[in-house]
Amino acid sequence: MTPSKSLIPQVSGAKIRSLSFMLVSSIALVACASTKPAQPVVPETVAPVAAANAEAAPTVAPTAPAASSGVASAPLAPAAPAPDAGQSDAMNAGENLSPFASIAEAGERVFFETDRFDLTDEARSILTRQAAWIRANPGKRVLIAGNCDERGTREYNLALGARRASAARDFLTSLGISPDRIETVSYGKERPIDDRPNPEGWAVNRNAHTMLLD
């Protein structure tokens, strides 16, 4: 039996639709295959610097607050220059200079009247020279020995000699000499420097003798 001509267009239309569907499906598959899946976001594994040290200072300094326009700062005073050590030593040396090479040259003995321990004007002048020498030699210490003439008892002269030594010491300390640098002793009539048994010899033995200790 010969097919009807009316079926030929129908068969051809079905094939065309089938081919079109396959073509569309192929295009869709190719499009899907060419599309790459999105990469998942990976969290950062390195901790910030501040996290490793809880007391780490911030890397950006905070902004200082704006100064109030109503407050005026006073101008800074210029710094006072530091004193020069050499100049200071020279000034001190100038104040402590003594024209005497030794305390003996300044005058090592002051003399007293009979039964007296008060200082005469001449004794004060000698002690003033002693003080200048002692001040110029800060590493030195002195001993003041009180002496008497041969008259009177031993006990009386020991007490009088102690008063004479103390009078000389007190005058030196009044001139600024530290008491720690002065020692006193009384020899009474035990150490005369003049053996003459007369007023001239006795006058010499009534003294306070300043001598170097160290």
N, C-alpha and C. Protein backbone atom coordinates (compact mmCIF):
# COMPACT_ATOMS: atom_id res chain seq x y z
N MET A 1 0.84 -1.20 0.00
CA MET A 1 0.00 0.00 0.00
C MET A 1 0.86 1.21 0.00
N THR A 2 0.51 2.10 -0.81
CA THR A 2 1.30 3.33 -0.94
C THR A 2 0.87 4.32 0.13
N PRO A 3 1.90 4.89 0.98
CA PRO A 3 1.52 5.82 2.06
C PRO A 3 0.85 7.03 1.50
N SER A 4 0.03 7.55 2.36
CA SER A 4 -0.68 8.75 1.98
C SER A 4 0.25 9.93 2.02
N LYS A 5 0.05 10.83 1.12
CA LYS A 5 0.89 12.03 1.05
C LYS A 5 0.69 12.91 2.26
N SER A 6 -0.46 12.77 2.95
CA SER A 6 -0.73 13.61 4.13
C SER A 6 0.12 13.22 5.31
N LEU A 7 0.63 11.99 5.33
CA LEU A 7 1.46 11.57 6.47
C LEU A 7 2.90 12.04 6.36
N ILE A 8 3.35 12.30 5.15
CA ILE A 8 4.76 12.70 4.96
C ILE A 8 5.08 13.99 5.70
N PRO A 9 4.26 15.01 5.61
CA PRO A 9 4.58 16.22 6.37
C PRO A 9 4.55 15.99 7.84
N GLN A 10 3.67 15.12 8.32
CA GLN A 10 3.58 14.84 9.75
C GLN A 10 4.86 14.18 10.24
N VAL A 11 5.34 13.15 9.47
CA VAL A 11 6.59 12.47 9.89
C VAL A 11 7.72 13.46 9.86
N SER A 12 7.80 14.23 8.89
CA SER A 12 8.90 15.20 8.79
C SER A 12 8.83 16.21 9.93
N GLY A 13 7.65 16.64 10.30
CA GLY A 13 7.52 17.60 11.43
C GLY A 13 7.96 16.97 12.73
N ALA A 14 7.64 15.71 12.95
CA ALA A 14 8.05 15.05 14.20
C ALA A 14 9.54 14.94 14.28
N LYS A 15 10.17 14.60 13.18
CA LYS A 15 11.63 14.51 13.21
C LYS A 15 12.25 15.87 13.49
N ILE A 16 11.68 16.86 12.87
CA ILE A 16 12.23 18.20 13.09
C ILE A 16 12.14 18.60 14.54
N ARG A 17 11.01 18.32 15.17
CA ARG A 17 10.85 18.68 16.59
C ARG A 17 11.83 17.89 17.45
N SER A 18 12.00 16.58 17.06
CA SER A 18 12.93 15.74 17.83
C SER A 18 14.34 16.26 17.72
N LEU A 19 14.73 16.63 16.52
CA LEU A 19 16.07 17.15 16.32
C LEU A 19 16.26 18.49 17.07
N SER A 20 15.23 19.29 17.02
CA SER A 20 15.34 20.59 17.73
C SER A 20 15.51 20.38 19.22
N PHE A 21 14.76 19.41 19.77
CA PHE A 21 14.86 19.15 21.21
C PHE A 21 16.25 18.66 21.58
N MET A 22 16.79 17.74 20.75
CA MET A 22 18.14 17.23 21.01
C MET A 22 19.17 18.34 20.92
N LEU A 23 18.99 19.25 19.97
CA LEU A 23 19.94 20.35 19.81
C LEU A 23 19.93 21.28 21.02
N VAL A 24 18.72 21.59 21.47
CA VAL A 24 18.60 22.45 22.65
C VAL A 24 19.21 21.80 23.87
N SER A 25 18.96 20.47 24.00
CA SER A 25 19.51 19.75 25.17
C SER A 25 21.02 19.74 25.13
N SER A 26 21.59 19.56 23.93
CA SER A 26 23.06 19.55 23.81
C SER A 26 23.66 20.90 24.17
N ILE A 27 23.02 21.94 23.70
CA ILE A 27 23.51 23.30 24.03
C ILE A 27 23.48 23.54 25.53
N ALA A 28 22.38 23.05 26.15
CA ALA A 28 22.25 23.24 27.60
C ALA A 28 23.32 22.49 28.35
N LEU A 29 23.60 21.25 27.90
CA LEU A 29 24.64 20.45 28.57
C LEU A 29 26.01 21.10 28.42
N VAL A 30 26.28 21.60 27.21
CA VAL A 30 27.58 22.27 27.00
C VAL A 30 27.71 23.51 27.88
N ALA A 31 26.60 24.25 27.97
CA ALA A 31 26.64 25.45 28.83
C ALA A 31 26.87 25.09 30.29
N CYS A 32 26.24 24.02 30.77
CA CYS A 32 26.41 23.59 32.17
C CYS A 32 27.83 23.12 32.42
N ALA A 33 28.38 22.38 31.41
CA ALA A 33 29.73 21.86 31.59
C ALA A 33 30.76 22.97 31.64
N SER A 34 30.50 24.04 30.86
CA SER A 34 31.49 25.13 30.82
C SER A 34 31.42 26.05 32.03
N THR A 35 30.35 25.98 32.78
CA THR A 35 30.21 26.84 33.98
C THR A 35 30.97 26.23 35.15
N LYS A 36 31.94 26.98 35.77
CA LYS A 36 32.74 26.48 36.91
C LYS A 36 32.00 26.78 38.21
N PRO A 37 32.04 25.80 39.11
CA PRO A 37 31.38 26.06 40.40
C PRO A 37 32.14 27.11 41.20
N ALA A 38 31.47 27.94 41.95
CA ALA A 38 32.08 29.00 42.77
C ALA A 38 32.91 28.37 43.88
N GLN A 39 34.14 28.96 44.13
CA GLN A 39 35.03 28.45 45.18
C GLN A 39 34.51 28.90 46.55
N PRO A 40 34.50 27.97 47.50
CA PRO A 40 34.04 28.36 48.85
C PRO A 40 35.04 29.32 49.50
N VAL A 41 34.52 30.24 50.28
CA VAL A 41 35.37 31.23 50.97
C VAL A 41 36.09 30.54 52.11
N VAL A 42 37.44 30.61 52.10
CA VAL A 42 38.25 29.99 53.15
C VAL A 42 38.57 31.03 54.20
N PRO A 43 38.23 30.79 55.45
CA PRO A 43 38.52 31.79 56.49
C PRO A 43 40.02 31.94 56.69
N GLU A 44 40.44 33.18 57.01
CA GLU A 44 41.86 33.48 57.19
C GLU A 44 42.37 32.79 58.46
N THR A 45 43.52 32.09 58.35
CA THR A 45 44.05 31.32 59.49
C THR A 45 45.08 32.09 60.29
N VAL A 46 45.58 33.22 59.76
CA VAL A 46 46.58 34.00 60.49
C VAL A 46 45.88 35.01 61.37
N ALA A 47 46.16 34.93 62.68
CA ALA A 47 45.50 35.84 63.61
C ALA A 47 46.12 37.23 63.50
N PRO A 48 45.39 38.27 63.79
CA PRO A 48 45.98 39.63 63.81
C PRO A 48 47.11 39.71 64.81
N VAL A 49 48.02 40.67 64.63
CA VAL A 49 49.16 40.81 65.53
C VAL A 49 48.71 41.05 66.96
N ALA A 50 47.70 41.85 67.12
CA ALA A 50 47.26 42.18 68.47
C ALA A 50 46.71 40.95 69.19
N ALA A 51 46.21 39.94 68.45
CA ALA A 51 45.64 38.77 69.10
C ALA A 51 46.72 37.94 69.76
N ALA A 52 47.94 37.94 69.23
CA ALA A 52 49.01 37.16 69.83
C ALA A 52 49.52 37.79 71.11
N ASN A 53 49.37 39.07 71.30
CA ASN A 53 49.83 39.77 72.49
C ASN A 53 48.72 40.70 72.95
N ALA A 54 48.11 40.32 74.03
CA ALA A 54 46.92 41.06 74.48
C ALA A 54 47.26 42.50 74.83
N GLU A 55 48.56 42.78 75.17
CA GLU A 55 48.94 44.14 75.55
C GLU A 55 49.71 44.85 74.45
N ALA A 56 49.65 44.30 73.23
CA ALA A 56 50.37 44.96 72.15
C ALA A 56 49.78 46.33 71.88
N ALA A 57 50.67 47.31 71.69
CA ALA A 57 50.21 48.67 71.44
C ALA A 57 49.58 48.74 70.06
N PRO A 58 48.56 49.54 69.87
CA PRO A 58 47.96 49.69 68.54
C PRO A 58 48.97 50.26 67.56
N THR A 59 48.86 49.82 66.31
CA THR A 59 49.81 50.27 65.30
C THR A 59 49.56 51.70 64.87
N VAL A 60 48.37 52.20 65.12
CA VAL A 60 48.03 53.59 64.77
C VAL A 60 47.78 54.35 66.05
N ALA A 61 48.53 55.41 66.27
CA ALA A 61 48.37 56.19 67.50
C ALA A 61 47.03 56.89 67.49
N PRO A 62 46.35 56.88 68.64
CA PRO A 62 45.06 57.58 68.69
C PRO A 62 45.24 59.07 68.50
N THR A 63 44.26 59.66 67.91
CA THR A 63 44.31 61.10 67.64
C THR A 63 44.17 61.87 68.93
N ALA A 64 45.09 62.79 69.20
CA ALA A 64 45.04 63.58 70.42
C ALA A 64 43.85 64.52 70.37
N PRO A 65 43.21 64.70 71.52
CA PRO A 65 42.07 65.62 71.52
C PRO A 65 42.52 67.04 71.23
N ALA A 66 41.68 67.76 70.56
CA ALA A 66 42.02 69.14 70.19
C ALA A 66 42.13 69.98 71.43
N ALA A 67 43.15 70.82 71.48
CA ALA A 67 43.36 71.69 72.64
C ALA A 67 42.29 72.75 72.69
N SER A 68 41.90 73.05 73.93
CA SER A 68 40.88 74.08 74.11
C SER A 68 41.45 75.43 73.75
N SER A 69 40.71 76.18 72.96
CA SER A 69 41.20 77.48 72.52
C SER A 69 41.21 78.50 73.64
N GLY A 70 40.54 78.18 74.77
CA GLY A 70 40.49 79.14 75.86
C GLY A 70 41.66 79.04 76.81
N VAL A 71 42.57 78.03 76.65
CA VAL A 71 43.70 77.85 77.55
C VAL A 71 44.96 78.26 76.82
N ALA A 72 45.70 79.16 77.42
CA ALA A 72 46.96 79.62 76.84
C ALA A 72 48.10 79.07 77.66
N SER A 73 49.06 78.41 77.03
CA SER A 73 50.20 77.85 77.75
C SER A 73 51.24 78.92 77.98
N ALA A 74 51.85 78.89 79.20
CA ALA A 74 52.88 79.87 79.53
C ALA A 74 54.16 79.51 78.81
N PRO A 75 54.94 80.51 78.40
CA PRO A 75 56.20 80.21 77.71
C PRO A 75 57.16 79.52 78.66
N LEU A 76 57.93 78.58 78.16
CA LEU A 76 58.88 77.85 78.97
C LEU A 76 60.06 78.76 79.31
N ALA A 77 60.47 78.70 80.58
CA ALA A 77 61.63 79.49 81.00
C ALA A 77 62.89 78.82 80.50
N PRO A 78 63.88 79.58 80.09
CA PRO A 78 65.13 78.96 79.63
C PRO A 78 65.81 78.21 80.75
N ALA A 79 66.37 77.05 80.43
CA ALA A 79 67.04 76.23 81.43
C ALA A 79 68.27 76.93 81.94
N ALA A 80 68.45 76.87 83.27
CA ALA A 80 69.62 77.51 83.86
C ALA A 80 70.85 76.69 83.53
N PRO A 81 71.94 77.33 83.13
CA PRO A 81 73.15 76.58 82.79
C PRO A 81 73.72 75.89 84.01
N ALA A 82 74.17 74.65 83.83
CA ALA A 82 74.75 73.89 84.93
C ALA A 82 76.08 74.52 85.33
N PRO A 83 76.37 74.59 86.65
CA PRO A 83 77.63 75.19 87.06
C PRO A 83 78.80 74.35 86.61
N ASP A 84 79.82 75.01 86.17
CA ASP A 84 81.01 74.31 85.72
C ASP A 84 81.76 73.78 86.93
N ALA A 85 82.07 72.46 86.90
CA ALA A 85 82.72 71.83 88.05
C ALA A 85 84.09 72.44 88.31
N GLY A 86 84.84 72.69 87.26
CA GLY A 86 86.17 73.28 87.45
C GLY A 86 86.09 74.66 88.05
N GLN A 87 85.11 75.45 87.61
CA GLN A 87 84.95 76.80 88.14
C GLN A 87 84.55 76.75 89.60
N SER A 88 83.64 75.80 89.96
CA SER A 88 83.22 75.67 91.36
C SER A 88 84.39 75.31 92.25
N ASP A 89 85.22 74.35 91.80
CA ASP A 89 86.38 73.96 92.60
C ASP A 89 87.35 75.12 92.76
N ALA A 90 87.51 75.89 91.71
CA ALA A 90 88.42 77.02 91.80
C ALA A 90 87.92 78.05 92.80
N MET A 91 86.59 78.27 92.81
CA MET A 91 86.03 79.23 93.76
C MET A 91 86.24 78.76 95.19
N ASN A 92 85.97 77.43 95.42
CA ASN A 92 86.17 76.90 96.76
C ASN A 92 87.63 76.99 97.18
N ALA A 93 88.53 76.69 96.23
CA ALA A 93 89.94 76.77 96.55
C ALA A 93 90.34 78.20 96.90
N GLY A 94 89.74 79.17 96.18
CA GLY A 94 90.04 80.56 96.47
C GLY A 94 89.59 80.96 97.86
N GLU A 95 88.45 80.43 98.29
CA GLU A 95 87.95 80.76 99.62
C GLU A 95 88.81 80.13 100.70
N ASN A 96 89.45 78.98 100.41
CA ASN A 96 90.18 78.23 101.42
C ASN A 96 91.69 78.44 101.36
N LEU A 97 92.14 79.34 100.51
CA LEU A 97 93.58 79.53 100.39
C LEU A 97 94.15 80.06 101.70
N SER A 98 95.32 79.51 102.05
CA SER A 98 96.04 79.99 103.23
C SER A 98 97.45 80.34 102.82
N PRO A 99 97.96 81.48 103.28
CA PRO A 99 99.34 81.85 102.90
C PRO A 99 100.39 81.06 103.67
N PHE A 100 99.96 80.18 104.59
CA PHE A 100 100.89 79.47 105.45
C PHE A 100 101.09 78.04 104.97
N ALA A 101 102.35 77.62 104.92
CA ALA A 101 102.66 76.27 104.46
C ALA A 101 102.34 75.22 105.51
N SER A 102 102.31 75.60 106.77
CA SER A 102 102.03 74.64 107.86
C SER A 102 101.32 75.38 108.98
N ILE A 103 100.74 74.59 109.86
CA ILE A 103 100.04 75.22 110.99
C ILE A 103 101.04 75.87 111.94
N ALA A 104 102.27 75.34 111.98
CA ALA A 104 103.31 75.96 112.82
C ALA A 104 103.67 77.33 112.29
N GLU A 105 103.69 77.47 110.95
CA GLU A 105 103.99 78.76 110.36
C GLU A 105 102.87 79.76 110.62
N ALA A 106 101.63 79.26 110.68
CA ALA A 106 100.50 80.15 110.99
C ALA A 106 100.54 80.62 112.43
N GLY A 107 101.19 79.85 113.28
CA GLY A 107 101.25 80.16 114.70
C GLY A 107 100.61 79.02 115.48
N GLU A 108 101.42 78.21 116.13
CA GLU A 108 100.89 77.00 116.75
C GLU A 108 100.54 77.15 118.22
N ARG A 109 100.92 78.28 118.86
CA ARG A 109 100.65 78.46 120.29
C ARG A 109 99.99 79.82 120.54
N VAL A 110 99.00 79.78 121.42
CA VAL A 110 98.43 81.03 121.94
C VAL A 110 98.71 81.05 123.45
N PHE A 111 98.91 82.25 124.02
CA PHE A 111 99.37 82.37 125.40
C PHE A 111 98.32 83.05 126.27
N PHE A 112 98.41 82.76 127.60
CA PHE A 112 97.39 83.21 128.55
C PHE A 112 98.05 83.91 129.72
N GLU A 113 97.23 84.74 130.41
CA GLU A 113 97.66 85.38 131.64
C GLU A 113 97.59 84.37 132.78
N THR A 114 98.17 84.72 133.91
CA THR A 114 98.19 83.83 135.06
C THR A 114 96.77 83.53 135.54
N ASP A 115 96.50 82.24 135.72
CA ASP A 115 95.21 81.75 136.21
C ASP A 115 94.03 82.16 135.30
N ARG A 116 94.29 82.42 134.05
CA ARG A 116 93.23 82.83 133.12
C ARG A 116 93.16 81.85 131.94
N PHE A 117 91.94 81.78 131.33
CA PHE A 117 91.79 80.96 130.12
C PHE A 117 91.04 81.72 129.03
N ASP A 118 90.80 83.04 129.26
CA ASP A 118 90.18 83.84 128.21
C ASP A 118 91.23 84.25 127.18
N LEU A 119 90.80 84.44 125.93
CA LEU A 119 91.71 84.70 124.82
C LEU A 119 92.03 86.18 124.72
N THR A 120 93.30 86.48 124.53
CA THR A 120 93.71 87.84 124.27
C THR A 120 93.49 88.15 122.78
N ASP A 121 93.63 89.43 122.44
CA ASP A 121 93.50 89.82 121.02
C ASP A 121 94.56 89.13 120.16
N GLU A 122 95.76 89.04 120.71
CA GLU A 122 96.83 88.37 119.95
C GLU A 122 96.50 86.89 119.76
N ALA A 123 95.93 86.26 120.78
CA ALA A 123 95.56 84.84 120.67
C ALA A 123 94.49 84.65 119.59
N ARG A 124 93.52 85.55 119.55
CA ARG A 124 92.48 85.43 118.51
C ARG A 124 93.07 85.59 117.11
N SER A 125 94.03 86.48 116.97
CA SER A 125 94.66 86.67 115.67
C SER A 125 95.40 85.40 115.23
N ILE A 126 96.10 84.76 116.15
CA ILE A 126 96.82 83.53 115.83
C ILE A 126 95.83 82.41 115.48
N LEU A 127 94.76 82.29 116.24
CA LEU A 127 93.77 81.25 115.98
C LEU A 127 93.06 81.48 114.64
N THR A 128 92.89 82.73 114.26
CA THR A 128 92.29 83.03 112.96
C THR A 128 93.19 82.52 111.83
N ARG A 129 94.49 82.68 112.00
CA ARG A 129 95.42 82.15 110.99
C ARG A 129 95.40 80.62 110.99
N GLN A 130 95.30 80.02 112.16
CA GLN A 130 95.18 78.56 112.23
C GLN A 130 93.94 78.07 111.49
N ALA A 131 92.82 78.76 111.70
CA ALA A 131 91.58 78.36 111.04
C ALA A 131 91.72 78.42 109.53
N ALA A 132 92.41 79.44 109.00
CA ALA A 132 92.62 79.55 107.56
C ALA A 132 93.41 78.35 107.04
N TRP A 133 94.43 77.95 107.79
CA TRP A 133 95.23 76.80 107.35
C TRP A 133 94.41 75.51 107.42
N ILE A 134 93.67 75.31 108.49
CA ILE A 134 92.86 74.09 108.64
C ILE A 134 91.80 74.03 107.54
N ARG A 135 91.19 75.16 107.23
CA ARG A 135 90.19 75.19 106.17
C ARG A 135 90.79 74.87 104.81
N ALA A 136 92.02 75.29 104.58
CA ALA A 136 92.69 75.03 103.31
C ALA A 136 93.20 73.60 103.20
N ASN A 137 93.14 72.85 104.30
CA ASN A 137 93.61 71.46 104.30
C ASN A 137 92.52 70.57 104.89
N PRO A 138 91.47 70.31 104.09
CA PRO A 138 90.29 69.61 104.64
C PRO A 138 90.55 68.19 105.11
N GLY A 139 91.66 67.58 104.71
CA GLY A 139 91.91 66.21 105.17
C GLY A 139 92.67 66.15 106.49
N LYS A 140 92.93 67.28 107.11
CA LYS A 140 93.76 67.31 108.31
C LYS A 140 92.91 67.51 109.58
N ARG A 141 93.41 66.92 110.67
CA ARG A 141 92.81 67.09 111.99
C ARG A 141 93.88 67.58 112.95
N VAL A 142 93.43 68.29 113.99
CA VAL A 142 94.40 68.89 114.92
C VAL A 142 94.07 68.49 116.36
N LEU A 143 95.10 68.58 117.19
CA LEU A 143 94.97 68.38 118.63
C LEU A 143 95.41 69.66 119.32
N ILE A 144 94.58 70.16 120.25
CA ILE A 144 94.93 71.35 121.02
C ILE A 144 95.22 70.90 122.45
N ALA A 145 96.45 71.17 122.90
CA ALA A 145 96.88 70.78 124.25
C ALA A 145 96.97 72.02 125.13
N GLY A 146 96.29 71.96 126.28
CA GLY A 146 96.35 73.06 127.24
C GLY A 146 97.49 72.86 128.21
N ASN A 147 98.28 73.94 128.44
CA ASN A 147 99.47 73.85 129.31
C ASN A 147 99.46 74.99 130.33
N CYS A 148 100.15 74.75 131.44
CA CYS A 148 100.22 75.71 132.53
C CYS A 148 101.68 75.84 133.01
N ASP A 149 101.93 76.87 133.83
CA ASP A 149 103.27 76.96 134.42
C ASP A 149 103.35 76.04 135.63
N GLU A 150 104.52 76.05 136.27
CA GLU A 150 104.82 75.06 137.29
C GLU A 150 104.16 75.33 138.64
N ARG A 151 103.59 76.48 138.82
CA ARG A 151 103.00 76.81 140.11
C ARG A 151 101.61 76.19 140.25
N GLY A 152 101.24 75.93 141.50
CA GLY A 152 99.94 75.36 141.76
C GLY A 152 99.98 73.83 141.76
N THR A 153 98.87 73.24 142.17
CA THR A 153 98.80 71.79 142.27
C THR A 153 98.60 71.16 140.88
N ARG A 154 98.89 69.88 140.83
CA ARG A 154 98.71 69.14 139.56
C ARG A 154 97.26 69.16 139.13
N GLU A 155 96.33 68.90 140.06
CA GLU A 155 94.91 68.84 139.72
C GLU A 155 94.39 70.20 139.23
N TYR A 156 94.79 71.24 139.92
CA TYR A 156 94.36 72.58 139.51
C TYR A 156 94.83 72.89 138.09
N ASN A 157 96.08 72.61 137.80
CA ASN A 157 96.64 72.93 136.49
C ASN A 157 96.06 72.04 135.39
N LEU A 158 95.71 70.78 135.68
CA LEU A 158 95.04 69.95 134.68
C LEU A 158 93.69 70.55 134.29
N ALA A 159 92.93 71.04 135.29
CA ALA A 159 91.63 71.65 135.00
C ALA A 159 91.80 72.95 134.23
N LEU A 160 92.79 73.77 134.62
CA LEU A 160 93.03 75.04 133.94
C LEU A 160 93.51 74.79 132.50
N GLY A 161 94.36 73.81 132.31
CA GLY A 161 94.83 73.49 130.96
C GLY A 161 93.68 73.03 130.05
N ALA A 162 92.72 72.27 130.62
CA ALA A 162 91.56 71.82 129.84
C ALA A 162 90.72 73.02 129.40
N ARG A 163 90.55 74.03 130.29
CA ARG A 163 89.78 75.22 129.93
C ARG A 163 90.49 76.01 128.82
N ARG A 164 91.80 76.10 128.88
CA ARG A 164 92.54 76.82 127.85
C ARG A 164 92.40 76.12 126.49
N ALA A 165 92.51 74.81 126.47
CA ALA A 165 92.35 74.07 125.21
C ALA A 165 90.93 74.23 124.67
N SER A 166 89.93 74.20 125.56
CA SER A 166 88.55 74.35 125.11
C SER A 166 88.28 75.74 124.55
N ALA A 167 88.90 76.78 125.16
CA ALA A 167 88.72 78.14 124.66
C ALA A 167 89.26 78.27 123.24
N ALA A 168 90.41 77.68 122.97
CA ALA A 168 90.97 77.73 121.63
C ALA A 168 90.10 76.95 120.64
N ARG A 169 89.64 75.79 121.06
CA ARG A 169 88.77 74.99 120.17
C ARG A 169 87.49 75.73 119.84
N ASP A 170 86.86 76.32 120.86
CA ASP A 170 85.59 77.01 120.62
C ASP A 170 85.76 78.18 119.66
N PHE A 171 86.89 78.86 119.73
CA PHE A 171 87.11 79.97 118.81
C PHE A 171 87.28 79.46 117.38
N LEU A 172 87.99 78.36 117.19
CA LEU A 172 88.15 77.77 115.85
C LEU A 172 86.80 77.34 115.27
N THR A 173 85.97 76.72 116.09
CA THR A 173 84.66 76.29 115.59
C THR A 173 83.77 77.49 115.26
N SER A 174 83.96 78.60 115.98
CA SER A 174 83.18 79.81 115.67
C SER A 174 83.58 80.37 114.30
N LEU A 175 84.75 80.00 113.81
CA LEU A 175 85.22 80.43 112.49
C LEU A 175 84.87 79.41 111.41
N GLY A 176 84.09 78.40 111.74
CA GLY A 176 83.61 77.46 110.74
C GLY A 176 84.34 76.14 110.67
N ILE A 177 85.29 75.90 111.57
CA ILE A 177 86.00 74.62 111.58
C ILE A 177 85.13 73.58 112.28
N SER A 178 84.97 72.43 111.67
CA SER A 178 84.12 71.39 112.25
C SER A 178 84.71 70.88 113.57
N PRO A 179 83.90 70.73 114.61
CA PRO A 179 84.42 70.18 115.87
C PRO A 179 84.98 68.77 115.71
N ASP A 180 84.53 68.04 114.69
CA ASP A 180 85.05 66.69 114.46
C ASP A 180 86.52 66.70 114.07
N ARG A 181 87.02 67.83 113.64
CA ARG A 181 88.42 67.92 113.22
C ARG A 181 89.34 68.42 114.32
N ILE A 182 88.79 68.59 115.53
CA ILE A 182 89.58 69.14 116.63
C ILE A 182 89.44 68.24 117.86
N GLU A 183 90.55 67.86 118.41
CA GLU A 183 90.57 67.16 119.70
C GLU A 183 91.32 68.02 120.71
N THR A 184 91.00 67.83 122.00
CA THR A 184 91.67 68.61 123.05
C THR A 184 92.21 67.67 124.12
N VAL A 185 93.24 68.15 124.80
CA VAL A 185 93.84 67.41 125.91
C VAL A 185 94.47 68.44 126.86
N SER A 186 94.60 68.08 128.11
CA SER A 186 95.27 68.96 129.07
C SER A 186 96.50 68.23 129.63
N TYR A 187 97.62 68.90 129.55
CA TYR A 187 98.84 68.37 130.16
C TYR A 187 99.18 69.07 131.46
N GLY A 188 98.39 70.08 131.84
CA GLY A 188 98.67 70.80 133.08
C GLY A 188 100.05 71.40 133.07
N LYS A 189 100.85 71.09 134.12
CA LYS A 189 102.22 71.63 134.21
C LYS A 189 103.27 70.58 133.87
N GLU A 190 102.82 69.47 133.24
CA GLU A 190 103.71 68.33 133.03
C GLU A 190 104.65 68.50 131.83
N ARG A 191 104.36 69.40 130.89
CA ARG A 191 105.19 69.52 129.69
C ARG A 191 105.60 70.97 129.45
N PRO A 192 106.44 71.52 130.32
CA PRO A 192 106.91 72.89 130.10
C PRO A 192 107.86 72.96 128.90
N ILE A 193 107.86 74.09 128.21
CA ILE A 193 108.78 74.29 127.09
C ILE A 193 109.90 75.27 127.48
N ASP A 194 109.77 75.83 128.66
CA ASP A 194 110.82 76.74 129.16
C ASP A 194 111.09 76.37 130.61
N ASP A 195 112.32 76.02 130.92
CA ASP A 195 112.67 75.55 132.26
C ASP A 195 113.02 76.68 133.23
N ARG A 196 112.97 77.91 132.80
CA ARG A 196 113.34 79.00 133.68
C ARG A 196 112.28 79.18 134.77
N PRO A 197 112.66 79.16 136.03
CA PRO A 197 111.71 79.33 137.13
C PRO A 197 111.48 80.81 137.45
N ASN A 198 111.02 81.55 136.45
CA ASN A 198 110.81 82.99 136.60
C ASN A 198 109.61 83.40 135.76
N PRO A 199 109.17 84.67 135.91
CA PRO A 199 107.98 85.11 135.17
C PRO A 199 108.11 84.94 133.66
N GLU A 200 109.31 85.14 133.11
CA GLU A 200 109.47 84.97 131.66
C GLU A 200 109.23 83.50 131.24
N GLY A 201 109.80 82.57 131.99
CA GLY A 201 109.61 81.16 131.69
C GLY A 201 108.16 80.73 131.92
N TRP A 202 107.57 81.24 132.99
CA TRP A 202 106.18 80.87 133.27
C TRP A 202 105.23 81.38 132.18
N ALA A 203 105.49 82.58 131.69
CA ALA A 203 104.63 83.17 130.64
C ALA A 203 104.64 82.29 129.38
N VAL A 204 105.78 81.71 129.06
CA VAL A 204 105.87 80.86 127.87
C VAL A 204 105.11 79.56 128.08
N ASN A 205 105.12 79.04 129.29
CA ASN A 205 104.49 77.73 129.55
C ASN A 205 102.97 77.81 129.69
N ARG A 206 102.42 79.00 129.83
CA ARG A 206 100.96 79.14 129.88
C ARG A 206 100.43 79.28 128.45
N ASN A 207 100.06 78.17 127.84
CA ASN A 207 99.69 78.22 126.42
C ASN A 207 98.69 77.11 126.06
N ALA A 208 98.13 77.27 124.85
CA ALA A 208 97.37 76.20 124.19
C ALA A 208 98.09 75.91 122.88
N HIS A 209 98.55 74.68 122.75
CA HIS A 209 99.41 74.30 121.63
C HIS A 209 98.58 73.51 120.61
N THR A 210 98.48 74.02 119.38
CA THR A 210 97.76 73.34 118.31
C THR A 210 98.76 72.57 117.48
N MET A 211 98.58 71.25 117.37
CA MET A 211 99.48 70.40 116.61
C MET A 211 98.70 69.51 115.66
N LEU A 212 99.37 69.07 114.63
CA LEU A 212 98.72 68.25 113.59
C LEU A 212 98.57 66.81 114.07
N LEU A 213 97.35 66.27 113.90
CA LEU A 213 97.11 64.88 114.24
C LEU A 213 97.37 63.96 113.04
N ASP A 214 96.75 64.26 111.90
CA ASP A 214 96.93 63.44 110.69
C ASP A 214 96.68 64.29 109.45
